[in-house]
Every structure is written in C-alpha cells, then in structure tokens.
N, C-alpha and C. Protein backbone atom coordinates (compact mmCIF):
# COMPACT_ATOMS: atom_id res chain seq x y z
N UNK A 1 -95.64 -71.19 95.40
CA UNK A 1 -96.63 -71.45 94.21
C UNK A 1 -96.48 -72.29 93.36
N UNK A 2 -95.37 -72.15 92.30
CA UNK A 2 -95.19 -72.84 91.12
C UNK A 2 -93.73 -73.74 91.37
N UNK A 3 -93.35 -74.29 90.48
CA UNK A 3 -92.16 -74.89 90.37
C UNK A 3 -91.09 -73.83 90.19
N UNK A 4 -90.02 -73.71 91.12
CA UNK A 4 -88.95 -73.01 90.74
C UNK A 4 -87.86 -73.70 90.03
N UNK A 5 -87.10 -73.07 88.90
CA UNK A 5 -86.32 -73.54 88.18
C UNK A 5 -85.01 -72.50 88.35
N UNK A 6 -83.77 -73.30 88.16
CA UNK A 6 -82.67 -72.60 88.02
C UNK A 6 -82.65 -71.57 86.88
N UNK A 7 -81.94 -70.51 86.87
CA UNK A 7 -82.17 -69.61 85.68
C UNK A 7 -81.69 -70.15 84.34
N UNK A 8 -80.74 -71.12 84.27
CA UNK A 8 -80.32 -71.78 83.20
C UNK A 8 -81.26 -72.83 82.58
N UNK A 9 -81.98 -73.22 83.45
CA UNK A 9 -83.12 -74.32 83.03
C UNK A 9 -84.32 -73.69 82.44
N UNK A 10 -84.89 -74.41 81.59
CA UNK A 10 -86.18 -73.66 81.32
C UNK A 10 -87.12 -75.04 81.10
N UNK A 11 -88.34 -74.87 81.58
CA UNK A 11 -89.44 -75.93 81.32
C UNK A 11 -89.65 -76.49 80.13
N UNK A 12 -89.64 -77.85 79.87
CA UNK A 12 -89.72 -78.61 78.69
C UNK A 12 -91.20 -78.84 78.73
N UNK A 13 -91.98 -78.51 77.52
CA UNK A 13 -93.41 -79.06 77.35
C UNK A 13 -93.45 -80.43 76.80
N UNK A 14 -94.23 -81.31 77.14
CA UNK A 14 -94.79 -82.46 76.73
C UNK A 14 -95.37 -82.50 75.59
N UNK A 15 -95.00 -82.91 74.24
CA UNK A 15 -95.59 -82.72 73.19
C UNK A 15 -96.53 -83.99 72.86
N UNK A 16 -96.05 -85.19 73.40
CA UNK A 16 -96.95 -86.40 73.41
C UNK A 16 -96.81 -86.99 71.77
N UNK A 17 -95.74 -86.91 71.38
CA UNK A 17 -95.59 -87.23 69.90
C UNK A 17 -94.86 -88.67 70.09
N UNK A 18 -95.27 -89.87 69.47
CA UNK A 18 -94.72 -90.94 69.78
C UNK A 18 -93.42 -91.07 69.02
N UNK A 19 -92.30 -91.58 69.42
CA UNK A 19 -91.07 -91.72 68.80
C UNK A 19 -90.18 -90.35 68.81
N UNK A 20 -90.64 -89.44 69.56
CA UNK A 20 -89.96 -88.25 69.53
C UNK A 20 -89.70 -87.81 71.02
N UNK A 21 -88.41 -87.70 71.36
CA UNK A 21 -88.19 -87.44 72.61
C UNK A 21 -87.72 -85.96 72.94
N UNK A 22 -87.81 -85.15 74.10
CA UNK A 22 -87.38 -83.90 74.23
C UNK A 22 -85.94 -83.86 74.10
N UNK A 23 -85.37 -82.59 73.76
CA UNK A 23 -84.05 -82.25 73.43
C UNK A 23 -83.22 -82.25 74.86
N UNK A 24 -81.97 -82.60 74.94
CA UNK A 24 -81.17 -82.53 76.14
C UNK A 24 -80.87 -81.01 76.49
N UNK A 25 -80.50 -80.29 75.53
CA UNK A 25 -80.14 -78.98 75.51
C UNK A 25 -81.47 -78.04 75.78
N UNK A 26 -81.14 -76.66 76.18
CA UNK A 26 -82.47 -75.87 76.32
C UNK A 26 -82.12 -74.69 75.39
N UNK A 27 -82.97 -73.90 74.72
CA UNK A 27 -82.66 -72.71 74.09
C UNK A 27 -83.76 -71.72 74.50
N UNK A 28 -83.44 -70.40 73.98
CA UNK A 28 -84.29 -69.09 74.29
C UNK A 28 -85.28 -68.98 72.94
N UNK A 29 -85.38 -69.85 72.01
CA UNK A 29 -85.90 -69.52 70.70
C UNK A 29 -87.37 -69.40 71.03
N UNK A 30 -88.20 -68.45 70.82
CA UNK A 30 -89.66 -68.31 70.95
C UNK A 30 -90.35 -69.23 69.93
N UNK A 31 -89.80 -69.60 68.92
CA UNK A 31 -90.35 -70.40 67.97
C UNK A 31 -90.12 -71.88 67.99
N UNK A 32 -89.58 -72.27 69.30
CA UNK A 32 -89.24 -73.67 69.51
C UNK A 32 -90.54 -74.45 70.05
N UNK A 33 -91.05 -75.37 69.77
CA UNK A 33 -92.06 -76.18 70.11
C UNK A 33 -91.83 -76.77 71.68
N UNK A 34 -90.64 -77.00 72.04
CA UNK A 34 -90.30 -77.63 73.35
C UNK A 34 -90.17 -76.42 74.43
N UNK A 35 -89.38 -75.52 74.20
CA UNK A 35 -88.98 -74.45 75.20
C UNK A 35 -89.79 -72.90 75.01
N UNK A 36 -90.42 -72.93 73.66
CA UNK A 36 -91.02 -71.59 73.47
C UNK A 36 -92.51 -71.49 73.75
N UNK A 37 -93.33 -70.84 72.93
CA UNK A 37 -94.62 -70.64 72.75
C UNK A 37 -95.25 -71.07 71.62
N UNK A 38 -94.59 -71.71 70.78
CA UNK A 38 -95.15 -72.29 69.33
C UNK A 38 -95.74 -73.58 69.62
N UNK A 39 -97.03 -73.65 68.96
CA UNK A 39 -97.88 -74.57 69.20
C UNK A 39 -98.05 -75.48 67.82
N UNK A 40 -98.04 -76.81 67.91
CA UNK A 40 -97.87 -77.92 66.68
C UNK A 40 -99.44 -78.22 66.58
N UNK A 41 -99.78 -78.02 65.42
CA UNK A 41 -101.30 -78.55 65.24
C UNK A 41 -101.15 -79.02 63.85
N UNK A 42 -102.18 -79.69 63.56
CA UNK A 42 -102.16 -80.31 62.16
C UNK A 42 -101.56 -81.62 61.76
N UNK A 43 -100.91 -81.83 60.61
CA UNK A 43 -100.23 -83.05 60.35
C UNK A 43 -98.81 -83.13 60.86
N UNK A 44 -98.29 -84.28 61.11
CA UNK A 44 -97.02 -84.76 61.33
C UNK A 44 -96.49 -85.34 59.96
N UNK A 45 -95.17 -85.40 59.61
CA UNK A 45 -94.76 -85.70 58.46
C UNK A 45 -93.15 -86.26 58.92
N UNK A 46 -92.81 -87.25 58.09
CA UNK A 46 -91.37 -87.61 58.28
C UNK A 46 -90.75 -87.34 56.93
N UNK A 47 -89.40 -86.78 57.09
CA UNK A 47 -88.57 -86.42 55.96
C UNK A 47 -87.14 -86.47 56.07
N UNK A 48 -86.34 -86.10 55.13
CA UNK A 48 -84.64 -86.22 55.54
C UNK A 48 -84.59 -84.63 55.04
N UNK A 49 -83.68 -84.27 55.85
CA UNK A 49 -82.94 -82.76 55.74
C UNK A 49 -82.28 -82.77 54.54
N UNK A 50 -82.34 -82.19 53.46
CA UNK A 50 -81.46 -81.77 52.51
C UNK A 50 -80.57 -80.69 52.54
N UNK A 51 -80.81 -79.57 52.91
CA UNK A 51 -79.97 -78.62 52.97
C UNK A 51 -80.33 -77.49 53.95
N UNK A 52 -79.46 -76.75 54.61
CA UNK A 52 -79.80 -75.56 55.49
C UNK A 52 -79.73 -74.61 54.63
N UNK A 53 -80.89 -73.36 54.80
CA UNK A 53 -81.00 -72.37 54.07
C UNK A 53 -80.55 -71.05 55.06
N UNK A 54 -81.42 -70.14 55.21
CA UNK A 54 -81.03 -68.93 56.07
C UNK A 54 -80.97 -69.45 57.67
N UNK A 55 -80.62 -68.61 58.49
CA UNK A 55 -80.35 -69.06 59.82
C UNK A 55 -81.54 -69.44 60.52
N UNK A 56 -81.71 -70.77 60.83
CA UNK A 56 -82.79 -71.21 61.50
C UNK A 56 -83.80 -71.97 60.63
N UNK A 57 -83.24 -72.19 59.46
CA UNK A 57 -84.47 -72.82 58.42
C UNK A 57 -83.80 -73.76 57.60
N UNK A 58 -84.54 -74.80 57.07
CA UNK A 58 -83.78 -75.72 56.29
C UNK A 58 -84.94 -76.39 55.47
N UNK A 59 -84.44 -77.21 54.46
CA UNK A 59 -85.24 -77.86 53.40
C UNK A 59 -85.40 -79.15 53.79
N UNK A 60 -86.55 -79.88 53.82
CA UNK A 60 -86.65 -81.21 54.23
C UNK A 60 -87.57 -81.80 53.08
N UNK A 61 -87.01 -83.12 52.50
CA UNK A 61 -87.82 -83.54 51.44
C UNK A 61 -88.62 -84.70 52.05
N UNK A 62 -89.87 -84.62 51.75
CA UNK A 62 -91.07 -85.60 52.25
C UNK A 62 -91.42 -86.51 51.06
N UNK A 63 -91.25 -87.91 51.02
CA UNK A 63 -91.82 -88.67 50.18
C UNK A 63 -93.11 -89.60 50.80
N UNK A 64 -93.90 -89.64 49.64
CA UNK A 64 -95.13 -90.19 50.13
C UNK A 64 -95.68 -91.22 48.88
N UNK A 65 -96.55 -92.01 49.20
CA UNK A 65 -97.06 -92.77 48.31
C UNK A 65 -98.38 -92.36 47.86
N UNK A 66 -98.51 -92.36 46.62
CA UNK A 66 -99.74 -91.69 45.89
C UNK A 66 -100.51 -92.61 45.01
N UNK A 67 -101.87 -92.87 45.12
CA UNK A 67 -102.83 -93.71 44.21
C UNK A 67 -103.17 -93.16 43.00
N UNK A 68 -102.72 -93.53 41.79
CA UNK A 68 -103.14 -92.98 40.70
C UNK A 68 -104.32 -93.81 40.08
N UNK A 69 -105.52 -92.83 40.00
CA UNK A 69 -106.96 -93.92 39.70
C UNK A 69 -106.83 -94.09 38.39
N UNK A 70 -106.37 -93.24 37.47
CA UNK A 70 -106.47 -93.72 36.02
C UNK A 70 -105.87 -94.94 35.50
N UNK A 71 -104.79 -95.16 36.03
CA UNK A 71 -103.78 -96.42 35.98
C UNK A 71 -103.99 -97.44 36.87
N UNK A 72 -104.65 -97.28 38.02
CA UNK A 72 -104.86 -98.01 39.27
C UNK A 72 -103.78 -98.63 39.57
N UNK A 73 -102.74 -97.88 39.94
CA UNK A 73 -101.41 -98.31 40.57
C UNK A 73 -101.02 -97.12 41.49
N UNK A 74 -99.97 -97.37 42.30
CA UNK A 74 -99.40 -96.59 43.15
C UNK A 74 -98.16 -95.98 42.61
N UNK A 75 -97.69 -94.82 43.06
CA UNK A 75 -96.46 -94.26 42.71
C UNK A 75 -95.93 -93.31 43.74
N UNK A 76 -94.62 -93.16 43.80
CA UNK A 76 -93.89 -92.52 44.87
C UNK A 76 -93.80 -90.97 44.41
N UNK A 77 -94.12 -89.88 45.28
CA UNK A 77 -94.05 -88.57 45.08
C UNK A 77 -93.34 -88.01 46.11
N UNK A 78 -92.70 -86.84 45.83
CA UNK A 78 -92.03 -86.27 46.82
C UNK A 78 -92.29 -84.68 46.76
N UNK A 79 -91.89 -84.05 47.86
CA UNK A 79 -92.14 -82.55 47.81
C UNK A 79 -91.03 -82.00 48.87
N UNK A 80 -90.61 -80.86 48.72
CA UNK A 80 -89.90 -80.17 49.59
C UNK A 80 -90.65 -79.19 50.45
N UNK A 81 -90.23 -79.21 51.70
CA UNK A 81 -90.98 -78.11 52.84
C UNK A 81 -89.88 -77.57 53.36
N UNK A 82 -90.16 -76.11 53.58
CA UNK A 82 -89.18 -75.21 54.30
C UNK A 82 -89.69 -75.40 55.67
N UNK A 83 -88.62 -75.73 56.76
CA UNK A 83 -88.97 -75.75 57.99
C UNK A 83 -88.06 -74.81 58.78
N UNK A 84 -88.77 -74.72 60.00
CA UNK A 84 -87.77 -73.91 61.01
C UNK A 84 -87.10 -74.80 61.85
N UNK A 85 -85.78 -74.69 62.09
CA UNK A 85 -85.04 -75.64 62.87
C UNK A 85 -84.60 -75.02 64.35
N UNK A 86 -85.26 -75.44 65.39
CA UNK A 86 -84.92 -74.83 66.90
C UNK A 86 -83.48 -74.91 66.87
N UNK A 87 -83.00 -74.13 67.91
CA UNK A 87 -81.61 -74.00 68.40
C UNK A 87 -81.12 -75.08 69.16
N UNK A 88 -82.26 -75.74 69.85
CA UNK A 88 -81.87 -76.78 70.77
C UNK A 88 -81.55 -78.30 70.25
N UNK A 89 -81.99 -78.53 69.02
CA UNK A 89 -81.88 -79.65 68.23
C UNK A 89 -80.76 -79.79 67.45
N UNK A 90 -79.99 -80.74 67.62
CA UNK A 90 -78.65 -80.96 66.99
C UNK A 90 -78.83 -81.71 65.51
N UNK A 91 -79.27 -81.09 64.52
CA UNK A 91 -79.80 -81.27 63.13
C UNK A 91 -78.55 -81.27 62.09
N UNK A 92 -78.25 -82.38 61.40
CA UNK A 92 -77.25 -82.27 60.27
C UNK A 92 -77.95 -82.74 59.22
N UNK A 93 -77.29 -82.29 57.88
CA UNK A 93 -78.02 -82.73 56.56
C UNK A 93 -78.07 -84.34 56.52
N UNK A 94 -79.05 -84.90 55.99
CA UNK A 94 -78.95 -86.35 55.85
C UNK A 94 -79.82 -87.00 56.95
N UNK A 95 -80.25 -86.24 57.97
CA UNK A 95 -80.90 -86.75 59.21
C UNK A 95 -82.35 -87.08 58.78
N UNK A 96 -82.99 -88.15 59.14
CA UNK A 96 -84.52 -88.23 59.14
C UNK A 96 -85.14 -87.63 60.36
N UNK A 97 -86.06 -86.77 60.07
CA UNK A 97 -86.81 -86.23 61.12
C UNK A 97 -88.33 -86.17 61.21
N UNK A 98 -88.66 -85.70 62.13
CA UNK A 98 -90.27 -85.51 62.17
C UNK A 98 -90.46 -84.05 62.15
N UNK A 99 -91.49 -83.61 61.31
CA UNK A 99 -91.81 -82.20 61.34
C UNK A 99 -93.40 -82.11 61.64
N UNK A 100 -93.65 -80.93 62.15
CA UNK A 100 -94.88 -80.65 62.48
C UNK A 100 -95.69 -79.43 61.91
N UNK A 101 -96.74 -79.28 61.69
CA UNK A 101 -97.46 -78.12 61.25
C UNK A 101 -97.72 -77.27 62.13
N UNK A 102 -97.38 -75.77 61.98
CA UNK A 102 -97.62 -74.85 62.73
C UNK A 102 -98.25 -73.67 62.21
N UNK A 103 -98.46 -72.46 62.84
CA UNK A 103 -98.90 -71.37 62.27
C UNK A 103 -97.80 -70.87 61.37
N UNK A 104 -98.14 -69.97 60.15
CA UNK A 104 -97.13 -69.45 59.33
C UNK A 104 -96.20 -68.61 60.20
N UNK A 105 -94.94 -69.14 60.03
CA UNK A 105 -93.62 -68.18 60.76
C UNK A 105 -93.06 -67.25 59.65
N UNK A 106 -93.41 -67.72 58.48
CA UNK A 106 -93.02 -66.31 57.34
C UNK A 106 -93.71 -66.82 56.14
N UNK A 107 -93.26 -66.19 55.05
CA UNK A 107 -94.17 -66.57 53.75
C UNK A 107 -94.14 -68.00 53.37
N UNK A 108 -92.83 -68.67 53.49
CA UNK A 108 -92.86 -69.99 53.21
C UNK A 108 -92.75 -70.99 54.34
N UNK A 109 -92.58 -70.68 55.60
CA UNK A 109 -92.40 -71.53 56.52
C UNK A 109 -93.38 -71.91 57.21
N UNK A 110 -94.12 -73.12 57.03
CA UNK A 110 -95.25 -73.51 58.13
C UNK A 110 -95.03 -74.53 58.98
N UNK A 111 -93.89 -75.27 58.86
CA UNK A 111 -93.41 -76.79 59.67
C UNK A 111 -92.40 -76.12 60.52
N UNK A 112 -92.04 -77.00 61.46
CA UNK A 112 -90.91 -76.97 62.47
C UNK A 112 -90.57 -78.25 62.95
N UNK A 113 -89.26 -78.55 62.85
CA UNK A 113 -88.76 -79.82 63.11
C UNK A 113 -88.89 -80.14 64.75
N UNK A 114 -89.38 -81.47 64.90
CA UNK A 114 -89.76 -81.81 66.34
C UNK A 114 -88.73 -82.63 66.87
N UNK A 115 -87.77 -83.41 65.87
CA UNK A 115 -86.70 -84.10 66.42
C UNK A 115 -86.31 -85.20 65.45
N UNK A 116 -85.18 -85.82 65.81
CA UNK A 116 -84.77 -87.03 64.93
C UNK A 116 -85.56 -88.12 65.30
N UNK A 117 -85.41 -89.01 64.10
CA UNK A 117 -85.97 -90.57 64.52
C UNK A 117 -84.66 -91.42 64.65
C-alpha cells in the first residue's frame, strides 16, 4: 500500500522553503514542522537566536527596515519573538535562523524555527 519505513525513521515533509534543508536527525515532537503535524503558514522571517527560555522555546531577534514618512527616511527597527525549537534541530545562541508563522502554540509562541541559514 504505502511506503514502509523502519521504526526509527520518520517521514520528512517537504516544506519547499528556499535556503532551508531538512534536518538530518528525526524527532517525535508533534509541534515539529518536519516530522510532526504542525503546519507553517503566513510570514517567513530571519532572525538571530538570543537566548533559550523554557524547554523547547527560544527568543529570536528580528531586525527590519522601516520607512518613516514624516522624516522621509529609513530606520532599523528590531523586535523579539518567542519561538518553538523542534528537538531535531541543533540550534545554539547566536545562530541565524529562519522562522515561520504557525497556529498559536501557547499564549506568546506563534512562530517555529525551520532551520539555520
């Protein structure tokens, strides 16, 4: 009928995001976009991992360019986003990552890390 996999292997979904390759490790996290059932929708952002919070979450700093209409010039702004970190990704502080918007996983976590750049 379908493709049979060994018990230790899980099927990896193809997210079709340019510049992001699937992880080499597998995990049993249901909130993993690669191995679980979590869907990525909405915006994709780049950021730098600042610090790790509770188990499975981190703070990512996202910097972007904003046009100030009153003064007719651009300025850099930054915001911090709380993100979910899947078990299969090897992420450390200071890594540049791609994050994607998902359904709300908790009160403050609405993004998930998709991979390193």
